[in-house]
Amino acid sequence: MSRYFIALLCLFFLIMQGMAMSLLPANLVYSDLLMTPHWILIFLLIIAIFYDSDDTYHAVWYGLVFGLLIDVVYTGVLGVYMITYTLIIYTVHGLNKWLHANFFAASLLAIIGVALADTMLYIIYSFVQITTMSWGEYALLRLLPTLAANMIFFIILYPLVKEKVHDWAEEVSSL
């Protein structure tokens, strides 16, 4: 049953991710700063940390499916988010084995995950010449605001879903 809730929440975040910029003040939206919401990635990182065990990869599969949905709905290049989200979630799943599952470790893994994902997307889009931003411009005008915005989302989301995700994990492990 928990897998259906995870999929429904990912679908909800997919829809809300598209409306995220309309929720911000106009002076921030029309500034030089570019913020990319990675809400599905943040949620799936929480799933990878608190739901998946060492030998299960549910978050990776969700990353594959919902990354493809992001590609279909929001981008013109298929497979970019799908591959990026899948690789980043897999990497964080592996890093999670070295850390205790708590707020500080989850925050660190979320920062690493969002930074790696957004940088990987920038590199791919630069390679296929969709973006012409220099590395310095990207780091200052996109990466830092994206990290800040997604960490605010993580800080809001974490207390709302952490216990429920942990309960779902115990429910699955008891089966």
Protein backbone atom coordinates (compact mmCIF):
# COMPACT_ATOMS: atom_id res chain seq x y z
CA MET A 1 0.00 0.00 0.00
CA SER A 2 2.86 2.38 0.80
CA ARG A 3 4.17 2.13 -2.76
CA TYR A 4 0.91 3.61 -4.03
CA PHE A 5 1.18 6.52 -1.61
CA ILE A 6 4.76 7.16 -2.71
CA ALA A 7 3.70 7.16 -6.37
CA LEU A 8 0.75 9.47 -5.63
CA LEU A 9 2.98 11.88 -3.73
CA CYS A 10 5.49 11.86 -6.59
CA LEU A 11 2.66 12.62 -9.01
CA PHE A 12 1.50 15.46 -6.75
CA PHE A 13 5.04 16.87 -6.63
CA LEU A 14 5.31 16.55 -10.41
CA ILE A 15 2.25 18.76 -10.80
CA MET A 16 3.28 21.20 -8.08
CA GLN A 17 6.82 21.42 -9.44
CA GLY A 18 5.44 22.95 -12.61
CA MET A 19 3.53 25.57 -10.64
CA ALA A 20 6.37 26.36 -8.22
CA MET A 21 7.56 29.48 -10.01
CA SER A 22 4.08 30.99 -9.93
CA LEU A 23 4.10 30.69 -6.13
CA LEU A 24 7.15 32.96 -5.79
CA PRO A 25 7.11 36.78 -5.67
CA ALA A 26 7.34 38.48 -9.07
CA ASN A 27 10.55 40.36 -8.26
CA LEU A 28 12.27 37.03 -7.58
CA VAL A 29 10.84 35.27 -10.64
CA TYR A 30 11.86 38.06 -13.03
CA SER A 31 15.36 38.54 -11.60
CA ASP A 32 18.57 37.12 -13.05
CA LEU A 33 18.45 34.22 -10.61
CA LEU A 34 17.23 30.91 -12.01
CA MET A 35 15.76 28.40 -9.59
CA THR A 36 14.85 24.90 -10.66
CA PRO A 37 12.54 23.00 -8.32
CA HIS A 38 13.68 19.40 -7.84
CA TRP A 39 10.82 18.45 -5.52
CA ILE A 40 10.47 14.91 -6.79
CA LEU A 41 14.19 14.39 -6.36
CA ILE A 42 14.08 15.72 -2.79
CA PHE A 43 11.17 13.43 -1.92
CA LEU A 44 12.83 10.42 -3.54
CA LEU A 45 16.05 11.14 -1.67
CA ILE A 46 14.04 10.96 1.57
CA ILE A 47 12.59 7.66 0.31
CA ALA A 48 16.09 6.37 -0.48
CA ILE A 49 17.32 7.33 2.99
CA PHE A 50 14.41 6.25 5.19
CA TYR A 51 12.38 3.72 3.16
CA ASP A 52 14.85 1.66 1.16
CA SER A 53 17.00 -0.89 2.92
CA ASP A 54 20.49 -1.83 1.75
CA ASP A 55 19.14 -4.34 -0.74
CA THR A 56 16.02 -2.55 -2.03
CA TYR A 57 16.03 0.17 -4.66
CA HIS A 58 12.44 1.45 -4.78
CA ALA A 59 13.54 5.10 -4.92
CA VAL A 60 15.77 4.36 -7.92
CA TRP A 61 12.84 2.87 -9.82
CA TYR A 62 10.62 5.81 -8.90
CA GLY A 63 13.40 8.13 -10.06
CA LEU A 64 13.52 6.34 -13.40
CA VAL A 65 9.75 6.57 -13.95
CA PHE A 66 9.18 10.09 -12.67
CA GLY A 67 12.36 11.37 -14.30
CA LEU A 68 10.92 10.18 -17.61
CA LEU A 69 7.62 11.89 -16.78
CA ILE A 70 9.49 15.16 -16.10
CA ASP A 71 11.21 14.76 -19.46
CA VAL A 72 7.92 14.18 -21.24
CA VAL A 73 5.99 16.97 -19.50
CA TYR A 74 8.56 19.73 -18.97
CA THR A 75 11.58 19.27 -21.28
CA GLY A 76 12.23 18.76 -24.94
CA VAL A 77 14.99 16.20 -24.51
CA LEU A 78 13.87 12.74 -23.43
CA GLY A 79 15.97 10.81 -20.96
CA VAL A 80 17.92 13.67 -19.37
CA TYR A 81 16.03 13.83 -16.07
CA MET A 82 15.36 10.10 -16.17
CA ILE A 83 19.06 9.22 -16.26
CA THR A 84 20.11 12.05 -13.96
CA TYR A 85 17.57 11.33 -11.22
CA THR A 86 18.22 7.59 -11.41
CA LEU A 87 22.00 7.97 -11.10
CA ILE A 88 21.80 10.54 -8.32
CA ILE A 89 19.32 8.52 -6.25
CA TYR A 90 21.44 5.40 -6.73
CA THR A 91 24.53 7.33 -5.60
CA VAL A 92 22.78 8.74 -2.53
CA HIS A 93 21.43 5.27 -1.72
CA GLY A 94 25.02 4.03 -1.68
CA LEU A 95 26.28 6.99 0.38
CA ASN A 96 23.47 6.45 2.88
CA LYS A 97 25.11 3.18 3.97
CA TRP A 98 27.95 5.21 5.53
CA LEU A 99 25.75 7.66 7.44
CA HIS A 100 23.12 7.39 10.15
CA ALA A 101 19.64 8.31 8.99
CA ASN A 102 18.98 11.62 10.76
CA PHE A 103 18.16 15.20 9.79
CA PHE A 104 21.76 16.34 9.37
CA ALA A 105 22.79 13.35 7.28
CA ALA A 106 19.63 13.62 5.18
CA SER A 107 20.28 17.36 4.70
CA LEU A 108 23.84 16.68 3.59
CA LEU A 109 22.70 13.97 1.18
CA ALA A 110 19.94 16.26 -0.16
CA ILE A 111 22.46 19.06 -0.80
CA ILE A 112 24.83 16.64 -2.51
CA GLY A 113 22.00 15.08 -4.53
CA VAL A 114 20.53 18.37 -5.76
CA ALA A 115 23.96 19.83 -6.51
CA LEU A 116 25.03 16.75 -8.47
CA ALA A 117 21.71 16.50 -10.32
CA ASP A 118 21.59 20.15 -11.32
CA THR A 119 25.27 20.15 -12.34
CA MET A 120 24.77 16.99 -14.36
CA LEU A 121 21.76 18.57 -16.09
CA TYR A 122 23.83 21.69 -16.85
CA ILE A 123 26.64 19.58 -18.33
CA ILE A 124 24.24 17.56 -20.49
CA TYR A 125 22.40 20.68 -21.69
CA SER A 126 25.73 22.39 -22.43
CA PHE A 127 26.90 19.36 -24.37
CA VAL A 128 23.80 19.36 -26.58
CA GLN A 129 24.02 23.18 -26.78
CA ILE A 130 20.67 23.94 -25.18
CA THR A 131 22.34 26.28 -22.69
CA THR A 132 25.16 28.71 -23.38
CA MET A 133 25.77 29.82 -19.79
CA SER A 134 29.38 29.85 -18.64
CA TRP A 135 30.34 27.77 -15.61
CA GLY A 136 30.70 30.88 -13.41
CA GLU A 137 27.32 32.26 -14.43
CA TYR A 138 25.73 28.87 -13.89
CA ALA A 139 27.22 28.44 -10.42
CA LEU A 140 26.25 31.93 -9.27
CA LEU A 141 22.92 32.50 -11.01
CA ARG A 142 21.47 28.99 -11.09
CA LEU A 143 23.20 26.43 -8.88
CA LEU A 144 23.27 28.46 -5.64
CA PRO A 145 19.64 29.70 -5.92
CA THR A 146 18.50 26.19 -6.87
CA LEU A 147 20.28 24.71 -3.85
CA ALA A 148 18.79 27.35 -1.54
CA ALA A 149 15.24 26.93 -2.87
CA ASN A 150 15.35 23.13 -2.75
CA MET A 151 16.82 23.12 0.76
CA ILE A 152 13.94 25.30 1.91
CA PHE A 153 11.59 22.74 0.39
CA PHE A 154 13.54 19.92 2.09
CA ILE A 155 13.31 21.65 5.48
CA ILE A 156 9.54 22.02 5.04
CA LEU A 157 9.00 18.49 3.67
CA TYR A 158 11.26 16.54 6.04
CA PRO A 159 9.19 16.81 9.24
CA LEU A 160 5.97 16.21 7.29
CA VAL A 161 6.97 12.91 5.69
CA LYS A 162 9.90 11.45 7.63
CA GLU A 163 7.88 9.56 10.23
CA LYS A 164 5.34 8.34 7.69
CA VAL A 165 8.09 7.08 5.37
CA HIS A 166 9.79 5.37 8.29
CA ASP A 167 6.47 3.71 9.24
CA TRP A 168 6.02 2.54 5.66
CA ALA A 169 9.49 1.03 5.72
CA GLU A 170 8.71 -0.89 8.90
CA GLU A 171 5.41 -2.05 7.40
CA VAL A 172 7.20 -3.39 4.32
CA SER A 173 9.98 -5.04 6.32
CA SER A 174 7.47 -6.84 8.55
CA LEU A 175 5.79 -8.48 5.56
